[in-house]
Amino acid sequence: MRFENIEKFLTPFVFKDLEENFEYYNREIELVFVELPKFNKELEQVENIIQSWIYFIKNAPLFDAIPEKFTSIPEIHTAFSIASRTNLTLKEFEELEKREMFFEDQRGAILKSHQEGIIEGQTALILRLLVRRLVKFRRN
């Protein structure tokens, strides 16, 4: 849908009663139309989060990496990751999933080792304290 007589790239609409001409009181329901062809800002001109998202959506296929300007927006990182996967072949996608599973397995192994190390350290400390008490007890 294009709004030919409107120059804006972002057009919000609310519900309105056609007969009585009153707005629906609940502003939680709102339609926002974004016309990507009308959004002509360069990366340096992007001023806010809405424009960041529109720029990202319009230009995502051109990105090899996330532009520096968007590094502080974690949701765009997630969207970029998802968008990057859409261009993969099935084999590339399966390889990516295998690598991710491998890294998750390694992360889990490291966490488990860390927890086991903590338990071993606590056990060793308890044993040392018990030995000290036992030695003290035998001396008395």
Protein backbone atom coordinates (compact mmCIF):
# COMPACT_ATOMS: atom_id res chain seq x y z
CA MET A 1 0.00 0.00 0.00
CA ARG A 2 1.28 3.44 -0.90
CA PHE A 3 -0.03 6.75 0.28
CA GLU A 4 0.64 8.80 -2.83
CA ASN A 5 -0.38 12.14 -1.35
CA ILE A 6 1.78 11.79 1.77
CA GLU A 7 5.54 12.35 1.76
CA LYS A 8 6.21 10.82 5.19
CA PHE A 9 7.66 7.32 5.33
CA LEU A 10 5.88 6.53 8.62
CA THR A 11 2.12 6.92 8.94
CA PRO A 12 0.29 5.96 12.18
CA PHE A 13 -3.43 5.22 12.26
CA VAL A 14 -5.87 4.72 15.10
CA PHE A 15 -9.35 3.23 15.08
CA LYS A 16 -12.18 5.68 14.66
CA ASP A 17 -15.93 5.18 14.58
CA LEU A 18 -17.20 6.00 11.10
CA GLU A 19 -20.69 7.07 12.12
CA GLU A 20 -20.06 9.07 15.29
CA ASN A 21 -16.50 10.07 14.31
CA PHE A 22 -14.91 9.33 17.70
CA GLU A 23 -11.54 7.67 18.26
CA TYR A 24 -11.31 4.30 19.93
CA TYR A 25 -10.15 5.15 23.44
CA ASN A 26 -7.60 2.36 23.74
CA ARG A 27 -4.43 3.60 22.00
CA GLU A 28 -2.80 0.19 22.44
CA ILE A 29 -4.29 -0.74 19.08
CA GLU A 30 -2.62 1.34 16.43
CA LEU A 31 -1.55 0.62 12.86
CA VAL A 32 1.70 2.05 11.60
CA PHE A 33 2.50 1.89 7.91
CA VAL A 34 6.13 2.15 6.89
CA GLU A 35 6.85 2.91 3.27
CA LEU A 36 10.44 1.81 2.71
CA PRO A 37 10.80 3.48 -0.72
CA LYS A 38 10.11 6.84 0.96
CA PHE A 39 12.80 6.31 3.60
CA ASN A 40 15.89 7.86 2.02
CA LYS A 41 18.08 8.59 5.01
CA GLU A 42 21.75 7.68 4.94
CA LEU A 43 23.24 5.88 7.96
CA GLU A 44 24.70 9.13 9.30
CA GLN A 45 21.24 10.75 9.20
CA VAL A 46 19.50 8.10 11.31
CA GLU A 47 18.36 9.87 14.48
CA ASN A 48 16.36 7.47 16.66
CA ILE A 49 15.43 3.84 17.31
CA ILE A 50 12.52 3.86 14.84
CA GLN A 51 14.72 5.18 12.06
CA SER A 52 17.42 2.67 13.05
CA TRP A 53 14.99 -0.21 12.59
CA ILE A 54 13.66 1.13 9.30
CA TYR A 55 17.21 1.64 8.01
CA PHE A 56 18.11 -1.88 9.12
CA ILE A 57 15.05 -3.47 7.48
CA LYS A 58 15.61 -1.61 4.22
CA ASN A 59 19.36 -2.25 4.04
CA ALA A 60 19.88 -5.58 5.84
CA PRO A 61 20.59 -7.51 2.62
CA LEU A 62 23.53 -5.17 1.94
CA PHE A 63 25.23 -5.66 5.34
CA ASP A 64 28.23 -7.91 5.83
CA ALA A 65 28.28 -6.83 9.46
CA ILE A 66 26.17 -4.69 11.75
CA PRO A 67 26.97 -0.99 11.28
CA GLU A 68 28.86 0.52 14.21
CA LYS A 69 25.97 2.91 14.85
CA PHE A 70 23.70 -0.05 15.77
CA THR A 71 26.07 -1.94 18.09
CA SER A 72 24.27 -0.62 21.18
CA ILE A 73 20.93 -2.14 20.07
CA PRO A 74 20.93 -5.86 21.03
CA GLU A 75 17.65 -6.52 19.21
CA ILE A 76 19.25 -5.47 15.93
CA HIS A 77 22.06 -7.97 16.61
CA THR A 78 19.42 -10.68 16.94
CA ALA A 79 17.64 -9.54 13.79
CA PHE A 80 20.95 -9.45 11.90
CA SER A 81 21.73 -12.98 13.03
CA ILE A 82 18.32 -14.18 11.81
CA ALA A 83 18.64 -12.26 8.54
CA SER A 84 22.12 -13.72 7.95
CA ARG A 85 20.72 -17.24 8.19
CA THR A 86 18.10 -16.67 5.51
CA ASN A 87 20.76 -16.55 2.79
CA LEU A 88 22.40 -19.82 3.81
CA THR A 89 22.04 -23.04 1.88
CA LEU A 90 20.63 -26.00 3.80
CA LYS A 91 24.13 -27.46 4.18
CA GLU A 92 25.55 -24.15 5.45
CA PHE A 93 22.65 -23.82 7.87
CA GLU A 94 23.21 -27.34 9.23
CA GLU A 95 26.93 -26.62 9.64
CA LEU A 96 26.14 -23.41 11.50
CA GLU A 97 23.76 -25.28 13.81
CA LYS A 98 26.42 -27.94 14.47
CA ARG A 99 28.97 -25.25 15.36
CA GLU A 100 26.49 -23.53 17.68
CA MET A 101 25.67 -26.84 19.38
CA PHE A 102 29.41 -27.56 19.77
CA PHE A 103 29.99 -24.15 21.38
CA GLU A 104 27.00 -24.65 23.70
CA ASP A 105 28.35 -28.10 24.67
CA GLN A 106 31.77 -26.58 25.39
CA ARG A 107 30.17 -23.80 27.42
CA GLY A 108 28.18 -26.38 29.40
CA ALA A 109 31.32 -28.44 30.02
CA ILE A 110 33.18 -25.37 31.27
CA LEU A 111 30.32 -24.43 33.61
CA LYS A 112 30.12 -27.99 34.92
CA SER A 113 33.89 -28.09 35.48
CA HIS A 114 33.71 -24.76 37.27
CA GLN A 115 30.94 -26.01 39.56
CA GLU A 116 32.82 -29.26 40.23
CA GLY A 117 35.96 -27.23 41.04
CA ILE A 118 34.01 -25.15 43.55
CA ILE A 119 32.63 -28.29 45.20
CA GLU A 120 36.11 -29.87 45.33
CA GLY A 121 37.54 -26.71 46.86
CA GLN A 122 34.78 -26.56 49.48
CA THR A 123 35.27 -30.26 50.26
CA ALA A 124 39.04 -29.80 50.65
CA LEU A 125 38.46 -26.83 52.97
CA ILE A 126 36.02 -28.80 55.13
CA LEU A 127 38.48 -31.70 55.35
CA ARG A 128 41.34 -29.37 56.38
CA LEU A 129 39.14 -27.80 59.07
CA LEU A 130 38.12 -31.24 60.34
CA VAL A 131 41.76 -32.39 60.46
CA ARG A 132 42.75 -29.26 62.41
CA ARG A 133 39.95 -29.82 64.92
CA LEU A 134 40.86 -33.46 65.24
CA VAL A 135 44.53 -32.61 65.86
CA LYS A 136 43.50 -29.97 68.43
CA PHE A 137 41.14 -32.45 70.09
CA ARG A 138 43.87 -35.13 70.39
CA ARG A 139 46.29 -32.64 71.96
CA ASN A 140 43.80 -31.80 74.70
